[in-house]
C-alpha atoms as a PDB file:
ATOM      1  CA  MET A   1      51.426 -53.217 -13.574  1.00  0.00           C
ATOM      2  CA  THR A   2      48.812 -50.967 -11.966  1.00  0.00           C
ATOM      3  CA  ARG A   3      49.633 -48.594  -9.092  1.00  0.00           C
ATOM      4  CA  GLN A   4      47.713 -50.855  -6.690  1.00  0.00           C
ATOM      5  CA  GLU A   5      49.743 -53.883  -7.813  1.00  0.00           C
ATOM      6  CA  GLU A   6      52.999 -51.920  -7.407  1.00  0.00           C
ATOM      7  CA  ILE A   7      52.046 -50.932  -3.858  1.00  0.00           C
ATOM      8  CA  LYS A   8      51.105 -54.492  -2.865  1.00  0.00           C
ATOM      9  CA  LYS A   9      54.320 -55.864  -4.373  1.00  0.00           C
ATOM     10  CA  ALA A  10      56.422 -53.292  -2.525  1.00  0.00           C
ATOM     11  CA  ALA A  11      54.546 -53.906   0.729  1.00  0.00           C
ATOM     12  CA  THR A  12      55.109 -57.655   0.420  1.00  0.00           C
ATOM     13  CA  ALA A  13      58.823 -57.186  -0.337  1.00  0.00           C
ATOM     14  CA  LYS A  14      59.287 -54.920   2.692  1.00  0.00           C
ATOM     15  CA  ARG A  15      57.243 -57.167   5.000  1.00  0.00           C
ATOM     16  CA  ARG A  16      59.797 -59.988   5.314  1.00  0.00           C
ATOM     17  CA  GLY A  17      60.208 -60.690   9.011  1.00  0.00           C
ATOM     18  CA  GLU A  18      57.730 -57.990   9.982  1.00  0.00           C
ATOM     19  CA  THR A  19      54.217 -58.209  11.374  1.00  0.00           C
ATOM     20  CA  PRO A  20      51.127 -58.059   9.136  1.00  0.00           C
ATOM     21  CA  TYR A  21      50.531 -54.586  10.610  1.00  0.00           C
ATOM     22  CA  TYR A  22      53.566 -53.360   8.654  1.00  0.00           C
ATOM     23  CA  TYR A  23      51.969 -54.513   5.399  1.00  0.00           C
ATOM     24  CA  ASP A  24      48.726 -52.656   6.114  1.00  0.00           C
ATOM     25  CA  ALA A  25      50.577 -49.539   7.279  1.00  0.00           C
ATOM     26  CA  PHE A  26      52.723 -49.529   4.130  1.00  0.00           C
ATOM     27  CA  ILE A  27      49.630 -49.693   1.914  1.00  0.00           C
ATOM     28  CA  GLU A  28      47.909 -46.914   3.887  1.00  0.00           C
ATOM     29  CA  GLY A  29      51.049 -44.755   3.651  1.00  0.00           C
ATOM     30  CA  ALA A  30      51.251 -45.257  -0.110  1.00  0.00           C
ATOM     31  CA  LYS A  31      47.571 -44.341  -0.442  1.00  0.00           C
ATOM     32  CA  TRP A  32      48.137 -41.174   1.608  1.00  0.00           C
ATOM     33  CA  ALA A  33      51.156 -40.218  -0.532  1.00  0.00           C
ATOM     34  CA  ASP A  34      49.123 -40.650  -3.724  1.00  0.00           C
ATOM     35  CA  GLU A  35      46.391 -38.407  -2.308  1.00  0.00           C
ATOM     36  CA  HIS A  36      48.862 -35.670  -1.277  1.00  0.00           C
ATOM     37  CA  PRO A  37      50.896 -34.624  -4.308  1.00  0.00           C
ATOM     38  CA  HIS A  38      54.333 -33.157  -3.755  1.00  0.00           C
ATOM     39  CA  TRP A  39      57.097 -31.480  -5.742  1.00  0.00           C
ATOM     40  CA  ILE A  40      59.585 -33.891  -7.317  1.00  0.00           C
ATOM     41  CA  SER A  41      63.096 -32.794  -8.268  1.00  0.00           C
ATOM     42  CA  VAL A  42      63.940 -33.333 -11.944  1.00  0.00           C
ATOM     43  CA  GLU A  43      67.277 -34.660 -10.672  1.00  0.00           C
ATOM     44  CA  ASN A  44      65.447 -37.559  -8.980  1.00  0.00           C
ATOM     45  CA  GLU A  45      62.649 -38.349 -11.420  1.00  0.00           C
ATOM     46  CA  LEU A  46      60.970 -37.043 -14.563  1.00  0.00           C
ATOM     47  CA  PRO A  47      57.277 -37.318 -15.460  1.00  0.00           C
ATOM     48  CA  GLU A  48      56.136 -39.548 -18.300  1.00  0.00           C
ATOM     49  CA  LYS A  49      56.874 -37.978 -21.670  1.00  0.00           C
ATOM     50  CA  ASP A  50      54.024 -35.654 -22.786  1.00  0.00           C
ATOM     51  CA  GLU A  51      52.261 -35.986 -19.376  1.00  0.00           C
ATOM     52  CA  ASN A  52      50.673 -32.699 -18.282  1.00  0.00           C
ATOM     53  CA  VAL A  53      52.131 -31.556 -14.943  1.00  0.00           C
ATOM     54  CA  MET A  54      52.832 -28.448 -12.886  1.00  0.00           C
ATOM     55  CA  VAL A  55      56.439 -27.273 -13.261  1.00  0.00           C
ATOM     56  CA  CYS A  56      58.505 -24.992 -11.065  1.00  0.00           C
ATOM     57  CA  GLY A  57      61.726 -23.095 -11.542  1.00  0.00           C
ATOM     58  CA  GLY A  58      63.101 -19.732 -10.499  1.00  0.00           C
ATOM     59  CA  GLY A  59      60.324 -19.342  -7.942  1.00  0.00           C
ATOM     60  CA  ARG A  60      57.628 -19.521 -10.619  1.00  0.00           C
ATOM     61  CA  VAL A  61      55.005 -22.191 -11.282  1.00  0.00           C
ATOM     62  CA  PHE A  62      53.589 -23.093 -14.689  1.00  0.00           C
ATOM     63  CA  TYR A  63      51.536 -25.788 -16.388  1.00  0.00           C
ATOM     64  CA  GLY A  64      53.595 -27.829 -18.829  1.00  0.00           C
ATOM     65  CA  CYS A  65      54.891 -31.192 -19.976  1.00  0.00           C
ATOM     66  CA  TRP A  66      58.277 -32.839 -20.459  1.00  0.00           C
ATOM     67  CA  LEU A  67      59.141 -33.430 -24.113  1.00  0.00           C
ATOM     68  CA  GLY A  68      62.282 -35.477 -23.515  1.00  0.00           C
ATOM     69  CA  GLY A  69      65.910 -34.653 -22.795  1.00  0.00           C
ATOM     70  CA  GLU A  70      66.005 -31.142 -21.358  1.00  0.00           C
ATOM     71  CA  LEU A  71      63.004 -29.909 -23.371  1.00  0.00           C
ATOM     72  CA  TRP A  72      59.797 -28.792 -21.671  1.00  0.00           C
ATOM     73  CA  ALA A  73      56.640 -27.281 -23.172  1.00  0.00           C
ATOM     74  CA  ILE A  74      55.373 -24.562 -20.846  1.00  0.00           C
ATOM     75  CA  ALA A  75      51.988 -22.795 -20.933  1.00  0.00           C
ATOM     76  CA  ARG A  76      52.262 -19.168 -19.868  1.00  0.00           C
ATOM     77  CA  GLN A  77      50.475 -15.818 -20.138  1.00  0.00           C
ATOM     78  CA  PRO A  78      51.169 -13.381 -21.635  1.00  0.00           C
ATOM     79  CA  LEU A  79      52.726 -15.284 -24.498  1.00  0.00           C
ATOM     80  CA  GLU A  80      55.058 -12.370 -25.288  1.00  0.00           C
ATOM     81  CA  GLU A  81      56.748 -12.731 -21.902  1.00  0.00           C
ATOM     82  CA  ARG A  82      60.218 -14.248 -22.166  1.00  0.00           C
ATOM     83  CA  LEU A  83      60.509 -17.473 -20.213  1.00  0.00           C
ATOM     84  CA  ASP A  84      64.004 -17.579 -18.740  1.00  0.00           C
ATOM     85  CA  PHE A  85      64.222 -20.289 -16.136  1.00  0.00           C
ATOM     86  CA  GLU A  86      65.215 -23.896 -15.814  1.00  0.00           C
ATOM     87  CA  VAL A  87      62.615 -26.405 -14.649  1.00  0.00           C
ATOM     88  CA  THR A  88      63.830 -27.765 -11.315  1.00  0.00           C
ATOM     89  CA  HIS A  89      60.724 -29.541  -9.969  1.00  0.00           C
ATOM     90  CA  TRP A  90      57.431 -30.958 -11.195  1.00  0.00           C
ATOM     91  CA  MET A  91      54.190 -32.200  -9.627  1.00  0.00           C
ATOM     92  CA  ALA A  92      51.394 -34.406 -10.940  1.00  0.00           C
ATOM     93  CA  LEU A  93      48.105 -32.638 -11.523  1.00  0.00           C
ATOM     94  CA  PRO A  94      45.279 -33.494  -9.134  1.00  0.00           C
ATOM     95  CA  ALA A  95      42.317 -35.455 -10.450  1.00  0.00           C
ATOM     96  CA  PRO A  96      39.504 -33.210 -11.710  1.00  0.00           C
ATOM     97  CA  PRO A  97      36.483 -32.844  -9.436  1.00  0.00           C
ATOM     98  CA  LYS A  98      33.720 -35.379  -9.800  1.00  0.00           C
ATOM     99  CA  LYS A  99      30.327 -34.402 -11.195  1.00  0.00           C
ATOM    100  CA  GLY A 100      28.635 -31.901  -8.906  1.00  0.00           C
ATOM    101  CA  GLY A 101      31.934 -30.505  -7.610  1.00  0.00           C
ATOM    102  CA  ALA A 102      32.429 -33.037  -4.778  1.00  0.00           C
ATOM    103  CA  GLN A 103      35.702 -34.955  -4.604  1.00  0.00           C
END
């Protein structure tokens, strides 16, 4: 199921007994949320396995991906630096800019 189909299904399920305005507002809210990434607690949700994301823990932010279980692959510089923190949150990466630099 695509993201658009998920949003429409959820909007329809929540619309019971409500006005059509609620349906449109739900879809607009979901679109806004997709366009404004936010930090997600690993206690609430994990990214797809091997999906590149931003990760946060111990007040530091890195690029990485979840490998499954409690394993994360983290990109960091310098490589000699010891990485001693637990990933607590993650965020999807934004879409790359379109050709010419305009979004």
